[in-house]
Amino acid sequence: MVIDTARGSFTVGAWVRLGVIPPHFVTAVGQDGEETSGFCLQYSSDEGRWTFARPDLRVTSRSAPAAGAWARLTGVCDSVAGELRLFVNGAQEGAIRDRILIVSEGSFVIGRGRYGGRPVDHFPGGIKDVMVFDRALTEGEVGGLLGEPGATTADGAPPRAVGSWPILRSATGQAVP
């Protein structure tokens, strides 16, 4: 467990690239619960869009991904505001009310989700520079993840990641361009 979802707010982000547009859901980053992922950044084949999802709830992007194109996905779970927010390439593309605390105490996973107690939704593409924060980042801080100058926290410091995983190879060992 990397994110203590029982505490409420958190932020998770990653650069992702679909090799193909799949005909089913695929998950880039998530954290396992007992039966299902407690949250995940994923592609939804239902909408043909990026999503930040929790059980029975998801916020969907306005923009559609293109096969082979990198996108910076950032999901913000803000328990104070009672919202899930999804950012694509630093721009907020969606928000939805979320007042239910979901506890997921399993493994933090990259490249798949969990459903029915088993691994599912394997990601067919590249994932790199995964970052996790133990609070809800502001819009300015999310923009700072793209290297925009001037992004700081309320006390004037840059946001501090709880963890960061620079991934340069796929699960098959192939180099990720």
Foldseek 3Di string as FASTA:
>chain_A
DLAFLQVFKKKKKWKWAAQQQDCAKAFFKFFAAQAWTQWTFIQHNVVQFTWIDGVPDIWTFPDHHDHPDIWMWMWIGAQVVQKIWIDIQLHTGTMDGHNDRGGGDGGIDGQFIGHRRDTHRGGRADIFWMFMGRHGADSLLSNCVNVDPDRPDPVRHRGDTSDIGGDQADPVRHGHD
